[in-house]
Amino acid sequence: MAEPEVSPTERAFHIIEMTAQLGRVSTVDIITALGIPKTTAHRLVSNLEELGFLEHGIERGRYQVGPRLLELATNVLTTAFSHGPVHALLMELSRRTSETVSLGVMRGSEVVYVDSAIGNSPLTLNFQKGHRTPLHCTSSGRVFLANMDQKQLDAYIS
């Protein structure tokens, strides 16, 4: 059976994710990771560079996250949750308990923190928006694990 075709948009997002995770990538890294032809990799990188999502890094032949992606990420982090009703609930809970309250979503085997309200307790732990943590390392993650069925839990453990 033939593998489903991967769209150029998906490939571009894979390149952006890879660059964000590794810091700097070369075209060879992209070709190897995505299994795509050299010309396709160069075209995608060139397009992402033109749009400002990637830029040449200090090291020759390597690319890093560009200013447009940083701007987009900053806008998302400051507006997506911080002004809505969910943030208001976090603020109220934090006010009532004097504790830091964080909102995380499960992505694969990790919790990604999307918002928080800082409490005024002398001891606080604050995860920055976008911070990723393995499920088993935080109370939020353990709540997700506790609500998994046996098949999901087995998949997580293995």
N, C-alpha and C. Protein backbone atom coordinates (compact mmCIF):
# COMPACT_ATOMS: atom_id res chain seq x y z
N MET A 1 0.83 -1.17 0.00
CA MET A 1 0.00 0.00 0.00
C MET A 1 0.89 1.24 0.00
N ALA A 2 0.56 2.22 -0.84
CA ALA A 2 1.34 3.44 -0.96
C ALA A 2 1.15 4.33 0.26
N GLU A 3 2.25 4.99 0.66
CA GLU A 3 2.16 5.93 1.78
C GLU A 3 1.42 7.18 1.33
N PRO A 4 0.64 7.79 2.24
CA PRO A 4 -0.07 9.01 1.86
C PRO A 4 0.93 10.12 1.53
N GLU A 5 0.59 10.92 0.54
CA GLU A 5 1.47 12.00 0.12
C GLU A 5 1.48 13.11 1.18
N VAL A 6 2.66 13.62 1.45
CA VAL A 6 2.82 14.70 2.42
C VAL A 6 2.80 16.02 1.66
N SER A 7 1.95 16.92 2.09
CA SER A 7 1.81 18.21 1.40
C SER A 7 3.01 19.11 1.67
N PRO A 8 3.27 20.06 0.77
CA PRO A 8 4.35 21.03 1.01
C PRO A 8 4.15 21.81 2.31
N THR A 9 2.89 22.08 2.64
CA THR A 9 2.61 22.81 3.89
C THR A 9 3.06 21.99 5.09
N GLU A 10 2.76 20.69 5.09
CA GLU A 10 3.19 19.81 6.18
C GLU A 10 4.71 19.79 6.28
N ARG A 11 5.36 19.69 5.12
CA ARG A 11 6.83 19.66 5.12
C ARG A 11 7.40 20.96 5.68
N ALA A 12 6.80 22.08 5.29
CA ALA A 12 7.27 23.38 5.79
C ALA A 12 7.13 23.44 7.31
N PHE A 13 6.01 22.97 7.82
CA PHE A 13 5.82 22.97 9.27
C PHE A 13 6.80 22.02 9.96
N HIS A 14 7.11 20.89 9.33
CA HIS A 14 8.10 19.98 9.91
C HIS A 14 9.46 20.68 10.00
N ILE A 15 9.81 21.43 8.97
CA ILE A 15 11.08 22.16 8.98
C ILE A 15 11.09 23.20 10.10
N ILE A 16 9.99 23.93 10.23
CA ILE A 16 9.90 24.95 11.29
C ILE A 16 10.01 24.29 12.67
N GLU A 17 9.27 23.20 12.88
CA GLU A 17 9.33 22.49 14.17
C GLU A 17 10.73 21.98 14.46
N MET A 18 11.35 21.40 13.45
CA MET A 18 12.70 20.85 13.60
C MET A 18 13.68 21.96 13.97
N THR A 19 13.58 23.09 13.30
CA THR A 19 14.46 24.22 13.58
C THR A 19 14.22 24.76 14.99
N ALA A 20 12.96 24.86 15.37
CA ALA A 20 12.63 25.35 16.72
C ALA A 20 13.17 24.42 17.80
N GLN A 21 13.15 23.11 17.55
CA GLN A 21 13.61 22.14 18.54
C GLN A 21 15.14 22.06 18.61
N LEU A 22 15.79 22.11 17.45
CA LEU A 22 17.24 21.91 17.40
C LEU A 22 18.04 23.21 17.46
N GLY A 23 17.41 24.32 17.19
CA GLY A 23 18.11 25.60 17.21
C GLY A 23 18.64 25.99 15.84
N ARG A 24 19.46 25.15 15.25
CA ARG A 24 19.99 25.41 13.91
C ARG A 24 19.99 24.10 13.12
N VAL A 25 19.62 24.19 11.85
CA VAL A 25 19.60 23.00 11.00
C VAL A 25 20.22 23.32 9.65
N SER A 26 20.75 22.29 9.03
CA SER A 26 21.27 22.43 7.67
C SER A 26 20.28 21.80 6.70
N THR A 27 20.49 22.07 5.44
CA THR A 27 19.64 21.45 4.42
C THR A 27 19.80 19.94 4.46
N VAL A 28 21.00 19.46 4.73
CA VAL A 28 21.25 18.02 4.82
C VAL A 28 20.44 17.42 5.98
N ASP A 29 20.38 18.13 7.11
CA ASP A 29 19.56 17.67 8.25
C ASP A 29 18.11 17.51 7.82
N ILE A 30 17.61 18.48 7.07
CA ILE A 30 16.22 18.48 6.62
C ILE A 30 15.97 17.33 5.66
N ILE A 31 16.87 17.15 4.70
CA ILE A 31 16.74 16.07 3.71
C ILE A 31 16.71 14.72 4.42
N THR A 32 17.60 14.53 5.38
CA THR A 32 17.69 13.27 6.12
C THR A 32 16.44 13.04 6.97
N ALA A 33 16.03 14.05 7.71
CA ALA A 33 14.89 13.90 8.62
C ALA A 33 13.58 13.69 7.89
N LEU A 34 13.38 14.41 6.78
CA LEU A 34 12.10 14.33 6.08
C LEU A 34 12.10 13.36 4.92
N GLY A 35 13.28 12.90 4.51
CA GLY A 35 13.36 11.97 3.39
C GLY A 35 12.87 12.59 2.09
N ILE A 36 13.27 13.83 1.85
CA ILE A 36 12.82 14.54 0.65
C ILE A 36 14.01 14.84 -0.25
N PRO A 37 13.75 15.05 -1.55
CA PRO A 37 14.84 15.38 -2.47
C PRO A 37 15.51 16.72 -2.12
N LYS A 38 16.77 16.84 -2.52
CA LYS A 38 17.55 18.04 -2.25
C LYS A 38 16.87 19.29 -2.81
N THR A 39 16.35 19.21 -4.03
CA THR A 39 15.71 20.38 -4.65
C THR A 39 14.47 20.81 -3.87
N THR A 40 13.71 19.84 -3.38
CA THR A 40 12.51 20.15 -2.58
C THR A 40 12.91 20.84 -1.28
N ALA A 41 13.94 20.32 -0.62
CA ALA A 41 14.41 20.93 0.63
C ALA A 41 14.87 22.36 0.39
N HIS A 42 15.65 22.58 -0.66
CA HIS A 42 16.13 23.94 -0.96
C HIS A 42 14.97 24.88 -1.27
N ARG A 43 13.99 24.40 -2.01
CA ARG A 43 12.83 25.25 -2.34
C ARG A 43 12.05 25.62 -1.09
N LEU A 44 11.80 24.64 -0.22
CA LEU A 44 11.06 24.91 1.02
C LEU A 44 11.81 25.88 1.92
N VAL A 45 13.10 25.65 2.09
CA VAL A 45 13.92 26.53 2.93
C VAL A 45 13.95 27.94 2.34
N SER A 46 14.09 28.03 1.03
CA SER A 46 14.10 29.34 0.37
C SER A 46 12.78 30.08 0.59
N ASN A 47 11.66 29.37 0.44
CA ASN A 47 10.35 29.98 0.67
C ASN A 47 10.20 30.44 2.12
N LEU A 48 10.59 29.60 3.06
CA LEU A 48 10.49 29.96 4.48
C LEU A 48 11.40 31.14 4.81
N GLU A 49 12.54 31.19 4.15
CA GLU A 49 13.46 32.30 4.37
C GLU A 49 12.88 33.61 3.81
N GLU A 50 12.31 33.55 2.61
CA GLU A 50 11.67 34.73 2.01
C GLU A 50 10.55 35.27 2.89
N LEU A 51 9.81 34.38 3.52
CA LEU A 51 8.70 34.78 4.38
C LEU A 51 9.14 35.23 5.78
N GLY A 52 10.42 35.03 6.10
CA GLY A 52 10.94 35.45 7.39
C GLY A 52 10.80 34.42 8.50
N PHE A 53 10.39 33.20 8.15
CA PHE A 53 10.24 32.16 9.17
C PHE A 53 11.57 31.47 9.48
N LEU A 54 12.51 31.51 8.54
CA LEU A 54 13.87 31.01 8.75
C LEU A 54 14.84 32.09 8.31
N GLU A 55 16.06 32.03 8.85
CA GLU A 55 17.13 32.92 8.39
C GLU A 55 18.46 32.19 8.51
N HIS A 56 19.45 32.67 7.74
CA HIS A 56 20.79 32.08 7.84
C HIS A 56 21.32 32.30 9.24
N GLY A 57 21.88 31.24 9.80
CA GLY A 57 22.48 31.34 11.12
C GLY A 57 23.91 31.83 11.02
N ILE A 58 24.57 31.91 12.15
CA ILE A 58 25.97 32.34 12.19
C ILE A 58 26.85 31.31 11.50
N GLU A 59 26.54 30.03 11.72
CA GLU A 59 27.31 28.96 11.10
C GLU A 59 26.93 28.84 9.62
N ARG A 60 27.90 28.74 8.78
CA ARG A 60 27.66 28.64 7.34
C ARG A 60 26.83 27.39 7.02
N GLY A 61 25.80 27.58 6.19
CA GLY A 61 24.98 26.46 5.75
C GLY A 61 23.92 26.03 6.75
N ARG A 62 23.76 26.78 7.81
CA ARG A 62 22.75 26.43 8.82
C ARG A 62 21.70 27.53 8.90
N TYR A 63 20.49 27.10 9.22
CA TYR A 63 19.36 28.02 9.34
C TYR A 63 18.84 28.00 10.77
N GLN A 64 18.27 29.12 11.16
CA GLN A 64 17.67 29.24 12.49
C GLN A 64 16.30 29.90 12.33
N VAL A 65 15.56 29.91 13.41
CA VAL A 65 14.24 30.53 13.41
C VAL A 65 14.39 32.00 13.04
N GLY A 66 13.50 32.46 12.15
CA GLY A 66 13.55 33.84 11.69
C GLY A 66 12.67 34.77 12.51
N PRO A 67 12.82 36.07 12.27
CA PRO A 67 12.09 37.07 13.06
C PRO A 67 10.57 36.99 12.93
N ARG A 68 10.09 36.61 11.77
CA ARG A 68 8.64 36.55 11.60
C ARG A 68 8.03 35.44 12.45
N LEU A 69 8.73 34.32 12.57
CA LEU A 69 8.23 33.23 13.41
C LEU A 69 8.26 33.63 14.88
N LEU A 70 9.31 34.33 15.29
CA LEU A 70 9.38 34.80 16.67
C LEU A 70 8.26 35.79 16.97
N GLU A 71 7.99 36.67 16.02
CA GLU A 71 6.89 37.63 16.18
C GLU A 71 5.55 36.92 16.28
N LEU A 72 5.33 35.94 15.41
CA LEU A 72 4.09 35.18 15.42
C LEU A 72 3.92 34.43 16.74
N ALA A 73 4.98 33.78 17.20
CA ALA A 73 4.93 33.03 18.46
C ALA A 73 4.63 33.95 19.63
N THR A 74 5.27 35.10 19.65
CA THR A 74 5.03 36.07 20.73
C THR A 74 3.59 36.53 20.73
N ASN A 75 3.05 36.82 19.55
CA ASN A 75 1.65 37.25 19.46
C ASN A 75 0.70 36.18 19.95
N VAL A 76 0.96 34.94 19.57
CA VAL A 76 0.10 33.84 20.00
C VAL A 76 0.16 33.69 21.52
N LEU A 77 1.37 33.71 22.06
CA LEU A 77 1.52 33.53 23.51
C LEU A 77 0.89 34.65 24.31
N THR A 78 0.91 35.86 23.79
CA THR A 78 0.37 36.98 24.57
C THR A 78 -1.12 37.18 24.37
N THR A 79 -1.68 36.70 23.26
CA THR A 79 -3.09 36.98 23.01
C THR A 79 -4.00 35.76 23.05
N ALA A 80 -3.49 34.59 22.75
CA ALA A 80 -4.36 33.42 22.61
C ALA A 80 -5.14 33.10 23.87
N PHE A 81 -4.52 33.22 25.02
CA PHE A 81 -5.19 32.85 26.26
C PHE A 81 -5.27 33.99 27.27
N SER A 82 -4.32 34.90 27.22
CA SER A 82 -4.18 35.89 28.28
C SER A 82 -5.35 36.86 28.43
N HIS A 83 -6.19 36.97 27.43
CA HIS A 83 -7.27 37.96 27.52
C HIS A 83 -8.65 37.32 27.53
N GLY A 84 -8.72 36.01 27.56
CA GLY A 84 -10.01 35.35 27.46
C GLY A 84 -10.57 34.92 28.80
N PRO A 85 -11.73 34.27 28.73
CA PRO A 85 -12.40 33.82 29.96
C PRO A 85 -11.61 32.77 30.73
N VAL A 86 -10.82 31.97 30.03
CA VAL A 86 -10.02 30.95 30.72
C VAL A 86 -8.99 31.62 31.62
N HIS A 87 -8.35 32.65 31.11
CA HIS A 87 -7.35 33.36 31.92
C HIS A 87 -8.00 33.99 33.15
N ALA A 88 -9.20 34.52 32.96
CA ALA A 88 -9.92 35.12 34.09
C ALA A 88 -10.19 34.08 35.18
N LEU A 89 -10.53 32.86 34.77
CA LEU A 89 -10.74 31.78 35.74
C LEU A 89 -9.45 31.42 36.47
N LEU A 90 -8.35 31.36 35.72
CA LEU A 90 -7.06 31.07 36.35
C LEU A 90 -6.70 32.16 37.36
N MET A 91 -6.92 33.40 36.99
CA MET A 91 -6.63 34.52 37.90
C MET A 91 -7.47 34.43 39.17
N GLU A 92 -8.74 34.11 39.01
CA GLU A 92 -9.64 34.01 40.17
C GLU A 92 -9.21 32.87 41.09
N LEU A 93 -8.89 31.72 40.51
CA LEU A 93 -8.44 30.58 41.32
C LEU A 93 -7.13 30.91 42.03
N SER A 94 -6.23 31.57 41.34
CA SER A 94 -4.97 31.98 41.95
C SER A 94 -5.21 32.96 43.09
N ARG A 95 -6.11 33.90 42.90
CA ARG A 95 -6.43 34.88 43.94
C ARG A 95 -6.99 34.19 45.18
N ARG A 96 -7.87 33.24 44.96
CA ARG A 96 -8.51 32.54 46.09
C ARG A 96 -7.54 31.65 46.86
N THR A 97 -6.59 31.06 46.16
CA THR A 97 -5.68 30.10 46.80
C THR A 97 -4.31 30.67 47.12
N SER A 98 -3.99 31.82 46.56
CA SER A 98 -2.66 32.44 46.67
C SER A 98 -1.58 31.57 46.03
N GLU A 99 -1.98 30.62 45.22
CA GLU A 99 -1.04 29.72 44.55
C GLU A 99 -0.98 30.04 43.06
N THR A 100 0.10 29.61 42.43
CA THR A 100 0.20 29.72 40.98
C THR A 100 -0.68 28.64 40.36
N VAL A 101 -1.44 29.03 39.35
CA VAL A 101 -2.34 28.10 38.67
C VAL A 101 -1.93 28.07 37.20
N SER A 102 -1.69 26.87 36.68
CA SER A 102 -1.26 26.72 35.30
C SER A 102 -2.26 25.89 34.51
N LEU A 103 -2.35 26.18 33.23
CA LEU A 103 -3.20 25.41 32.33
C LEU A 103 -2.30 24.74 31.31
N GLY A 104 -2.38 23.42 31.27
CA GLY A 104 -1.59 22.66 30.32
C GLY A 104 -2.47 21.77 29.48
N VAL A 105 -2.03 21.51 28.26
CA VAL A 105 -2.73 20.59 27.37
C VAL A 105 -1.79 19.45 27.03
N MET A 106 -2.36 18.27 26.83
CA MET A 106 -1.55 17.11 26.50
C MET A 106 -1.29 17.10 25.00
N ARG A 107 -0.01 16.97 24.65
CA ARG A 107 0.40 16.82 23.26
C ARG A 107 1.36 15.64 23.22
N GLY A 108 0.86 14.53 22.69
CA GLY A 108 1.68 13.32 22.66
C GLY A 108 1.96 12.85 24.07
N SER A 109 3.23 12.75 24.42
CA SER A 109 3.61 12.28 25.75
C SER A 109 4.06 13.43 26.66
N GLU A 110 3.64 14.65 26.32
CA GLU A 110 4.05 15.82 27.09
C GLU A 110 2.86 16.70 27.46
N VAL A 111 3.08 17.54 28.46
CA VAL A 111 2.15 18.61 28.79
C VAL A 111 2.76 19.88 28.22
N VAL A 112 1.96 20.65 27.49
CA VAL A 112 2.39 21.95 26.99
C VAL A 112 1.60 23.00 27.75
N TYR A 113 2.31 23.88 28.44
CA TYR A 113 1.64 24.91 29.24
C TYR A 113 1.24 26.08 28.36
N VAL A 114 -0.03 26.44 28.43
CA VAL A 114 -0.56 27.49 27.56
C VAL A 114 -0.92 28.77 28.29
N ASP A 115 -1.06 28.72 29.60
CA ASP A 115 -1.37 29.93 30.36
C ASP A 115 -1.14 29.67 31.84
N SER A 116 -0.96 30.74 32.59
CA SER A 116 -0.83 30.60 34.04
C SER A 116 -1.16 31.93 34.70
N ALA A 117 -1.46 31.85 35.97
CA ALA A 117 -1.67 33.02 36.81
C ALA A 117 -0.79 32.83 38.04
N ILE A 118 0.07 33.79 38.29
CA ILE A 118 1.05 33.68 39.36
C ILE A 118 0.42 34.04 40.70
N GLY A 119 0.58 33.15 41.66
CA GLY A 119 0.06 33.39 43.00
C GLY A 119 1.04 34.20 43.83
N ASN A 120 0.63 34.58 45.02
CA ASN A 120 1.54 35.34 45.88
C ASN A 120 2.05 34.51 47.05
N SER A 121 2.07 33.21 46.87
CA SER A 121 2.69 32.32 47.84
C SER A 121 4.21 32.54 47.76
N PRO A 122 4.92 32.42 48.88
CA PRO A 122 6.37 32.65 48.83
C PRO A 122 7.12 31.62 47.98
N LEU A 123 6.56 30.46 47.79
CA LEU A 123 7.20 29.43 46.98
C LEU A 123 6.30 29.13 45.78
N THR A 124 6.79 29.45 44.59
CA THR A 124 5.98 29.21 43.39
C THR A 124 6.81 28.49 42.34
N LEU A 125 6.13 27.78 41.50
CA LEU A 125 6.73 27.15 40.34
C LEU A 125 5.92 27.62 39.14
N ASN A 126 6.58 28.30 38.24
CA ASN A 126 5.87 28.86 37.10
C ASN A 126 6.45 28.32 35.80
N PHE A 127 5.62 27.68 35.00
CA PHE A 127 6.04 27.24 33.68
C PHE A 127 5.70 28.33 32.67
N GLN A 128 6.66 28.70 31.87
CA GLN A 128 6.43 29.70 30.83
C GLN A 128 5.48 29.13 29.78
N LYS A 129 4.73 30.00 29.14
CA LYS A 129 3.84 29.57 28.06
C LYS A 129 4.68 28.88 26.99
N GLY A 130 4.19 27.73 26.55
CA GLY A 130 4.90 26.96 25.55
C GLY A 130 5.87 25.94 26.12
N HIS A 131 6.13 25.98 27.43
CA HIS A 131 7.04 25.02 28.06
C HIS A 131 6.45 23.62 27.96
N ARG A 132 7.30 22.66 27.60
CA ARG A 132 6.88 21.27 27.46
C ARG A 132 7.55 20.43 28.55
N THR A 133 6.77 19.53 29.13
CA THR A 133 7.28 18.66 30.19
C THR A 133 6.70 17.26 30.00
N PRO A 134 7.50 16.20 30.19
CA PRO A 134 6.95 14.85 30.12
C PRO A 134 5.78 14.69 31.10
N LEU A 135 4.80 13.91 30.71
CA LEU A 135 3.58 13.75 31.51
C LEU A 135 3.87 13.33 32.95
N HIS A 136 4.79 12.41 33.14
CA HIS A 136 5.02 11.87 34.49
C HIS A 136 5.73 12.84 35.43
N CYS A 137 6.19 13.99 34.92
CA CYS A 137 6.98 14.91 35.74
C CYS A 137 6.18 15.99 36.46
N THR A 138 4.92 16.13 36.16
CA THR A 138 4.13 17.20 36.79
C THR A 138 2.78 16.67 37.24
N SER A 139 2.17 17.39 38.16
CA SER A 139 0.84 16.97 38.62
C SER A 139 -0.17 17.05 37.48
N SER A 140 -0.04 18.06 36.62
CA SER A 140 -0.94 18.16 35.46
C SER A 140 -0.81 16.92 34.58
N GLY A 141 0.43 16.53 34.33
CA GLY A 141 0.68 15.36 33.50
C GLY A 141 0.15 14.09 34.13
N ARG A 142 0.27 13.99 35.45
CA ARG A 142 -0.23 12.80 36.14
C ARG A 142 -1.75 12.71 36.08
N VAL A 143 -2.42 13.86 36.03
CA VAL A 143 -3.88 13.86 35.86
C VAL A 143 -4.22 13.27 34.50
N PHE A 144 -3.47 13.67 33.47
CA PHE A 144 -3.71 13.09 32.14
C PHE A 144 -3.45 11.59 32.15
N LEU A 145 -2.36 11.17 32.77
CA LEU A 145 -2.05 9.74 32.85
C LEU A 145 -3.13 8.97 33.60
N ALA A 146 -3.64 9.53 34.68
CA ALA A 146 -4.66 8.86 35.48
C ALA A 146 -5.96 8.66 34.71
N ASN A 147 -6.18 9.46 33.70
CA ASN A 147 -7.41 9.36 32.92
C ASN A 147 -7.25 8.60 31.61
N MET A 148 -6.08 7.98 31.41
CA MET A 148 -5.86 7.18 30.21
C MET A 148 -6.42 5.79 30.41
N ASP A 149 -6.90 5.20 29.31
CA ASP A 149 -7.29 3.79 29.40
C ASP A 149 -6.01 2.94 29.35
N GLN A 150 -6.15 1.66 29.58
CA GLN A 150 -4.99 0.78 29.70
C GLN A 150 -4.15 0.77 28.42
N LYS A 151 -4.79 0.79 27.27
CA LYS A 151 -4.07 0.77 25.99
C LYS A 151 -3.21 2.03 25.84
N GLN A 152 -3.78 3.19 26.16
CA GLN A 152 -3.03 4.45 26.07
C GLN A 152 -1.87 4.46 27.06
N LEU A 153 -2.12 3.97 28.26
CA LEU A 153 -1.09 3.93 29.29
C LEU A 153 0.05 3.00 28.88
N ASP A 154 -0.28 1.84 28.33
CA ASP A 154 0.75 0.91 27.85
C ASP A 154 1.59 1.55 26.74
N ALA A 155 0.93 2.28 25.84
CA ALA A 155 1.65 2.96 24.75
C ALA A 155 2.58 4.03 25.31
N TYR A 156 2.14 4.74 26.34
CA TYR A 156 2.97 5.78 26.95
C TYR A 156 4.20 5.18 27.62
N ILE A 157 4.00 4.09 28.34
CA ILE A 157 5.09 3.48 29.09
C ILE A 157 6.12 2.85 28.17
N SER A 158 5.69 2.29 27.05
CA SER A 158 6.66 1.61 26.17
C SER A 158 7.38 2.53 25.24
